[in-house]
Amino acid sequence: MTLDDHPELDGYEPLERPLRGRRMVIATRVVVVMGLVALILPGVLVTISIATNTATNTCAVYVRQYEPDAVSSSARFELLGPVGPGWQCYALNTEGDATFVAPLGLIPSTPHQFRQAA
């Protein structure tokens, strides 16, 4: 490549130092990371909140249906649950003991007909 191939570069001398200083590069990176967090974090928090509320309400329905003697219900997200990772529904008795009722899955949904193993 010669200057004859690119006449617009005639007289161009590259600078020895970078165009932006080290502080400016760090400040730009910090602003970009903060902007990404500000865009993503609200969506993650809303998704977690909706999943928690749905799991809690669905678990309450399942416990009323399948464990009528239970005092209350508890929906928990477990990585190593009885049926694998996801939301698990437990019925609580008067002593606080938990009895597994139903798996709610990774993304809990509204209650549906559930077959309990005999």
N, C-alpha and C. Protein backbone atom coordinates (compact mmCIF):
# COMPACT_ATOMS: atom_id res chain seq x y z
N MET A 1 0.85 -1.17 0.00
CA MET A 1 0.00 0.00 0.00
C MET A 1 0.90 1.24 0.00
N THR A 2 0.63 2.11 -0.90
CA THR A 2 1.40 3.34 -1.00
C THR A 2 0.49 4.54 -0.85
N LEU A 3 1.08 5.70 -0.73
CA LEU A 3 0.28 6.92 -0.62
C LEU A 3 -0.50 7.20 -1.90
N ASP A 4 -0.02 6.66 -3.01
CA ASP A 4 -0.74 6.85 -4.27
C ASP A 4 -2.08 6.13 -4.26
N ASP A 5 -2.17 5.02 -3.50
CA ASP A 5 -3.42 4.27 -3.40
C ASP A 5 -4.45 5.02 -2.56
N HIS A 6 -3.98 5.81 -1.58
CA HIS A 6 -4.88 6.54 -0.68
C HIS A 6 -4.42 7.99 -0.56
N PRO A 7 -4.84 8.83 -1.49
CA PRO A 7 -4.38 10.22 -1.47
C PRO A 7 -4.90 11.00 -0.26
N GLU A 8 -6.00 10.53 0.35
CA GLU A 8 -6.53 11.25 1.52
C GLU A 8 -5.61 11.15 2.73
N LEU A 9 -4.68 10.22 2.71
CA LEU A 9 -3.73 10.07 3.81
C LEU A 9 -2.43 10.82 3.57
N ASP A 10 -2.36 11.57 2.51
CA ASP A 10 -1.15 12.32 2.20
C ASP A 10 -0.91 13.36 3.30
N GLY A 11 0.24 13.32 3.92
CA GLY A 11 0.59 14.26 4.98
C GLY A 11 0.18 13.80 6.37
N TYR A 12 -0.43 12.64 6.46
CA TYR A 12 -0.86 12.13 7.79
C TYR A 12 0.33 11.59 8.55
N GLU A 13 0.45 12.02 9.77
CA GLU A 13 1.50 11.53 10.66
C GLU A 13 0.80 10.96 11.90
N PRO A 14 0.92 9.65 12.17
CA PRO A 14 0.26 9.08 13.36
C PRO A 14 0.85 9.67 14.64
N LEU A 15 -0.03 9.85 15.65
CA LEU A 15 0.40 10.39 16.93
C LEU A 15 1.13 9.32 17.73
N GLU A 16 2.05 9.75 18.54
CA GLU A 16 2.80 8.83 19.39
C GLU A 16 2.00 8.45 20.63
N ARG A 17 1.12 9.29 21.08
CA ARG A 17 0.34 9.02 22.30
C ARG A 17 -1.12 8.69 21.92
N PRO A 18 -1.83 7.97 22.80
CA PRO A 18 -3.23 7.65 22.49
C PRO A 18 -4.11 8.90 22.50
N LEU A 19 -5.23 8.82 21.81
CA LEU A 19 -6.14 9.96 21.74
C LEU A 19 -6.80 10.26 23.09
N ARG A 20 -7.07 9.22 23.86
CA ARG A 20 -7.71 9.39 25.17
C ARG A 20 -6.72 8.97 26.25
N GLY A 21 -6.78 9.67 27.37
CA GLY A 21 -5.92 9.33 28.50
C GLY A 21 -6.45 8.11 29.24
N ARG A 22 -5.63 7.57 30.12
CA ARG A 22 -6.00 6.38 30.90
C ARG A 22 -7.22 6.65 31.77
N ARG A 23 -7.27 7.81 32.41
CA ARG A 23 -8.41 8.16 33.27
C ARG A 23 -9.71 8.24 32.48
N MET A 24 -9.63 8.81 31.28
CA MET A 24 -10.83 8.93 30.44
C MET A 24 -11.34 7.56 30.02
N VAL A 25 -10.44 6.65 29.69
CA VAL A 25 -10.83 5.29 29.30
C VAL A 25 -11.50 4.59 30.48
N ILE A 26 -10.93 4.70 31.67
CA ILE A 26 -11.52 4.07 32.86
C ILE A 26 -12.88 4.68 33.18
N ALA A 27 -12.98 6.02 33.10
CA ALA A 27 -14.25 6.69 33.37
C ALA A 27 -15.32 6.25 32.37
N THR A 28 -14.95 6.12 31.12
CA THR A 28 -15.90 5.67 30.09
C THR A 28 -16.37 4.25 30.36
N ARG A 29 -15.46 3.38 30.73
CA ARG A 29 -15.83 2.00 31.04
C ARG A 29 -16.76 1.93 32.25
N VAL A 30 -16.49 2.74 33.26
CA VAL A 30 -17.35 2.75 34.45
C VAL A 30 -18.75 3.22 34.08
N VAL A 31 -18.85 4.26 33.28
CA VAL A 31 -20.16 4.78 32.86
C VAL A 31 -20.91 3.73 32.04
N VAL A 32 -20.22 3.03 31.16
CA VAL A 32 -20.87 2.01 30.33
C VAL A 32 -21.38 0.86 31.20
N VAL A 33 -20.56 0.39 32.15
CA VAL A 33 -20.99 -0.70 33.04
C VAL A 33 -22.17 -0.27 33.89
N MET A 34 -22.13 0.95 34.42
CA MET A 34 -23.26 1.43 35.23
C MET A 34 -24.53 1.54 34.38
N GLY A 35 -24.39 1.97 33.14
CA GLY A 35 -25.55 2.05 32.25
C GLY A 35 -26.14 0.68 31.96
N LEU A 36 -25.29 -0.31 31.72
CA LEU A 36 -25.79 -1.67 31.48
C LEU A 36 -26.50 -2.23 32.72
N VAL A 37 -25.92 -2.00 33.88
CA VAL A 37 -26.55 -2.46 35.12
C VAL A 37 -27.90 -1.76 35.31
N ALA A 38 -27.95 -0.47 35.03
CA ALA A 38 -29.21 0.28 35.18
C ALA A 38 -30.27 -0.20 34.21
N LEU A 39 -29.88 -0.73 33.07
CA LEU A 39 -30.85 -1.25 32.10
C LEU A 39 -31.31 -2.66 32.44
N ILE A 40 -30.39 -3.50 32.93
CA ILE A 40 -30.69 -4.92 33.13
C ILE A 40 -31.27 -5.21 34.51
N LEU A 41 -30.77 -4.58 35.55
CA LEU A 41 -31.17 -4.89 36.92
C LEU A 41 -32.67 -4.77 37.18
N PRO A 42 -33.35 -3.70 36.75
CA PRO A 42 -34.80 -3.63 37.00
C PRO A 42 -35.57 -4.80 36.40
N GLY A 43 -35.21 -5.22 35.21
CA GLY A 43 -35.88 -6.37 34.59
C GLY A 43 -35.68 -7.64 35.37
N VAL A 44 -34.46 -7.86 35.86
CA VAL A 44 -34.17 -9.05 36.66
C VAL A 44 -34.96 -9.02 37.97
N LEU A 45 -34.99 -7.87 38.62
CA LEU A 45 -35.72 -7.76 39.89
C LEU A 45 -37.22 -7.96 39.71
N VAL A 46 -37.79 -7.41 38.65
CA VAL A 46 -39.23 -7.60 38.39
C VAL A 46 -39.52 -9.06 38.09
N THR A 47 -38.67 -9.71 37.30
CA THR A 47 -38.86 -11.12 36.98
C THR A 47 -38.81 -11.98 38.23
N ILE A 48 -37.85 -11.74 39.11
CA ILE A 48 -37.75 -12.50 40.35
C ILE A 48 -38.96 -12.26 41.23
N SER A 49 -39.43 -11.02 41.31
CA SER A 49 -40.59 -10.70 42.13
C SER A 49 -41.85 -11.40 41.62
N ILE A 50 -42.06 -11.38 40.32
CA ILE A 50 -43.24 -12.03 39.74
C ILE A 50 -43.17 -13.54 39.94
N ALA A 51 -42.00 -14.14 39.73
CA ALA A 51 -41.84 -15.59 39.92
C ALA A 51 -42.09 -15.97 41.38
N THR A 52 -41.61 -15.17 42.32
CA THR A 52 -41.82 -15.45 43.74
C THR A 52 -43.30 -15.38 44.10
N ASN A 53 -43.98 -14.34 43.65
CA ASN A 53 -45.42 -14.21 43.94
C ASN A 53 -46.23 -15.33 43.30
N THR A 54 -45.91 -15.68 42.06
CA THR A 54 -46.63 -16.75 41.39
C THR A 54 -46.40 -18.09 42.10
N ALA A 55 -45.15 -18.37 42.48
CA ALA A 55 -44.85 -19.62 43.16
C ALA A 55 -45.56 -19.68 44.52
N THR A 56 -45.57 -18.59 45.25
CA THR A 56 -46.23 -18.56 46.56
C THR A 56 -47.73 -18.80 46.42
N ASN A 57 -48.37 -18.13 45.48
CA ASN A 57 -49.82 -18.30 45.29
C ASN A 57 -50.17 -19.69 44.78
N THR A 58 -49.40 -20.20 43.84
CA THR A 58 -49.65 -21.54 43.31
C THR A 58 -49.45 -22.59 44.39
N CYS A 59 -48.43 -22.43 45.19
CA CYS A 59 -48.17 -23.38 46.28
C CYS A 59 -49.32 -23.37 47.29
N ALA A 60 -49.85 -22.19 47.60
CA ALA A 60 -50.97 -22.11 48.53
C ALA A 60 -52.18 -22.89 48.01
N VAL A 61 -52.43 -22.80 46.70
CA VAL A 61 -53.55 -23.54 46.10
C VAL A 61 -53.29 -25.04 46.17
N TYR A 62 -52.08 -25.47 45.83
CA TYR A 62 -51.75 -26.90 45.88
C TYR A 62 -51.85 -27.45 47.30
N VAL A 63 -51.40 -26.70 48.27
CA VAL A 63 -51.46 -27.19 49.65
C VAL A 63 -52.91 -27.29 50.11
N ARG A 64 -53.74 -26.31 49.77
CA ARG A 64 -55.18 -26.41 50.12
C ARG A 64 -55.82 -27.63 49.48
N GLN A 65 -55.40 -27.96 48.25
CA GLN A 65 -56.00 -29.08 47.53
C GLN A 65 -55.48 -30.43 48.00
N TYR A 66 -54.15 -30.56 48.16
CA TYR A 66 -53.55 -31.88 48.40
C TYR A 66 -53.15 -32.14 49.84
N GLU A 67 -53.04 -31.12 50.65
CA GLU A 67 -52.70 -31.28 52.07
C GLU A 67 -53.63 -30.39 52.91
N PRO A 68 -54.91 -30.73 52.98
CA PRO A 68 -55.87 -29.84 53.66
C PRO A 68 -55.60 -29.66 55.16
N ASP A 69 -54.87 -30.56 55.79
CA ASP A 69 -54.59 -30.43 57.22
C ASP A 69 -53.39 -29.54 57.52
N ALA A 70 -52.72 -29.06 56.50
CA ALA A 70 -51.52 -28.23 56.70
C ALA A 70 -51.91 -26.85 57.22
N VAL A 71 -51.01 -26.27 57.99
CA VAL A 71 -51.25 -24.95 58.57
C VAL A 71 -50.95 -23.85 57.54
N SER A 72 -49.86 -24.01 56.80
CA SER A 72 -49.50 -23.03 55.79
C SER A 72 -48.67 -23.69 54.69
N SER A 73 -48.22 -22.87 53.75
CA SER A 73 -47.44 -23.39 52.63
C SER A 73 -46.15 -22.59 52.51
N SER A 74 -45.21 -23.18 51.79
CA SER A 74 -43.93 -22.52 51.57
C SER A 74 -43.42 -22.88 50.18
N ALA A 75 -43.15 -21.87 49.36
CA ALA A 75 -42.58 -22.08 48.03
C ALA A 75 -41.12 -21.64 48.09
N ARG A 76 -40.22 -22.53 47.66
CA ARG A 76 -38.79 -22.24 47.72
C ARG A 76 -38.15 -22.55 46.38
N PHE A 77 -37.17 -21.75 46.02
CA PHE A 77 -36.37 -22.05 44.83
C PHE A 77 -35.17 -22.86 45.28
N GLU A 78 -35.04 -24.07 44.75
CA GLU A 78 -33.95 -24.95 45.16
C GLU A 78 -33.22 -25.48 43.93
N LEU A 79 -31.90 -25.42 43.98
CA LEU A 79 -31.10 -25.97 42.89
C LEU A 79 -31.05 -27.49 42.96
N LEU A 80 -31.09 -28.02 44.17
CA LEU A 80 -31.05 -29.48 44.37
C LEU A 80 -32.32 -29.94 45.06
N GLY A 81 -33.47 -29.63 44.47
CA GLY A 81 -34.75 -30.02 45.04
C GLY A 81 -35.05 -31.49 44.83
N PRO A 82 -36.15 -31.96 45.38
CA PRO A 82 -36.53 -33.37 45.27
C PRO A 82 -36.70 -33.85 43.82
N VAL A 83 -37.13 -32.97 42.93
CA VAL A 83 -37.33 -33.35 41.54
C VAL A 83 -36.43 -32.58 40.59
N GLY A 84 -35.40 -31.96 41.10
CA GLY A 84 -34.47 -31.21 40.27
C GLY A 84 -34.54 -29.72 40.58
N PRO A 85 -33.84 -28.92 39.81
CA PRO A 85 -33.81 -27.49 40.08
C PRO A 85 -35.14 -26.82 39.76
N GLY A 86 -35.49 -25.81 40.53
CA GLY A 86 -36.72 -25.05 40.30
C GLY A 86 -37.44 -24.76 41.60
N TRP A 87 -38.64 -24.24 41.45
CA TRP A 87 -39.47 -23.91 42.61
C TRP A 87 -40.12 -25.19 43.13
N GLN A 88 -40.09 -25.35 44.45
CA GLN A 88 -40.67 -26.52 45.11
C GLN A 88 -41.72 -26.03 46.11
N CYS A 89 -42.80 -26.77 46.23
CA CYS A 89 -43.90 -26.42 47.13
C CYS A 89 -43.91 -27.37 48.32
N TYR A 90 -43.99 -26.80 49.51
CA TYR A 90 -44.02 -27.58 50.75
C TYR A 90 -45.21 -27.17 51.59
N ALA A 91 -45.80 -28.15 52.27
CA ALA A 91 -46.85 -27.89 53.24
C ALA A 91 -46.22 -27.88 54.63
N LEU A 92 -46.60 -26.92 55.45
CA LEU A 92 -46.05 -26.80 56.80
C LEU A 92 -47.11 -27.19 57.82
N ASN A 93 -46.70 -27.99 58.83
CA ASN A 93 -47.66 -28.36 59.88
C ASN A 93 -47.46 -27.45 61.09
N THR A 94 -48.14 -27.74 62.17
CA THR A 94 -48.09 -26.88 63.36
C THR A 94 -46.70 -26.83 63.99
N GLU A 95 -45.90 -27.86 63.81
CA GLU A 95 -44.56 -27.89 64.40
C GLU A 95 -43.51 -27.29 63.46
N GLY A 96 -43.92 -26.85 62.27
CA GLY A 96 -42.99 -26.25 61.32
C GLY A 96 -42.32 -27.26 60.40
N ASP A 97 -42.71 -28.53 60.48
CA ASP A 97 -42.14 -29.54 59.60
C ASP A 97 -42.69 -29.34 58.19
N ALA A 98 -41.82 -29.51 57.19
CA ALA A 98 -42.22 -29.31 55.80
C ALA A 98 -42.40 -30.65 55.11
N THR A 99 -43.51 -30.77 54.36
CA THR A 99 -43.80 -31.95 53.57
C THR A 99 -43.85 -31.53 52.11
N PHE A 100 -43.07 -32.21 51.27
CA PHE A 100 -43.05 -31.87 49.84
C PHE A 100 -44.42 -32.15 49.24
N VAL A 101 -44.94 -31.17 48.47
CA VAL A 101 -46.25 -31.31 47.86
C VAL A 101 -46.14 -31.42 46.33
N ALA A 102 -45.42 -30.48 45.71
CA ALA A 102 -45.39 -30.47 44.25
C ALA A 102 -44.20 -29.68 43.73
N PRO A 103 -43.65 -30.09 42.58
CA PRO A 103 -42.65 -29.25 41.92
C PRO A 103 -43.37 -28.19 41.10
N LEU A 104 -42.87 -26.97 41.14
CA LEU A 104 -43.51 -25.88 40.40
C LEU A 104 -42.72 -25.50 39.14
N GLY A 105 -41.53 -26.08 38.97
CA GLY A 105 -40.73 -25.83 37.77
C GLY A 105 -39.82 -24.62 37.90
N LEU A 106 -39.02 -24.41 36.87
CA LEU A 106 -38.12 -23.26 36.85
C LEU A 106 -38.87 -21.94 36.74
N ILE A 107 -39.93 -21.96 35.95
CA ILE A 107 -40.78 -20.78 35.80
C ILE A 107 -42.17 -21.18 36.28
N PRO A 108 -42.55 -20.76 37.50
CA PRO A 108 -43.84 -21.20 38.04
C PRO A 108 -45.01 -20.62 37.24
N SER A 109 -46.07 -21.41 37.16
CA SER A 109 -47.27 -20.96 36.44
C SER A 109 -48.46 -21.06 37.38
N THR A 110 -49.61 -20.69 36.87
CA THR A 110 -50.83 -20.80 37.66
C THR A 110 -51.12 -22.27 37.94
N PRO A 111 -51.90 -22.56 38.95
CA PRO A 111 -52.18 -23.97 39.30
C PRO A 111 -52.84 -24.72 38.15
N HIS A 112 -52.48 -25.98 38.03
CA HIS A 112 -53.10 -26.88 37.06
C HIS A 112 -53.25 -28.25 37.73
N GLN A 113 -54.00 -29.11 37.11
CA GLN A 113 -54.23 -30.43 37.68
C GLN A 113 -52.90 -31.15 37.87
N PHE A 114 -52.68 -31.65 39.06
CA PHE A 114 -51.42 -32.27 39.40
C PHE A 114 -51.70 -33.67 39.92
N ARG A 115 -51.02 -34.67 39.38
CA ARG A 115 -51.19 -36.05 39.84
C ARG A 115 -50.12 -36.34 40.88
N GLN A 116 -50.57 -36.67 42.06
CA GLN A 116 -49.64 -36.98 43.14
C GLN A 116 -49.40 -38.47 43.15
N ALA A 117 -48.13 -38.87 43.31
CA ALA A 117 -47.79 -40.28 43.34
C ALA A 117 -48.37 -40.92 44.59
N ALA A 118 -48.86 -42.15 44.44
CA ALA A 118 -49.49 -42.83 45.57
C ALA A 118 -48.49 -43.41 46.52
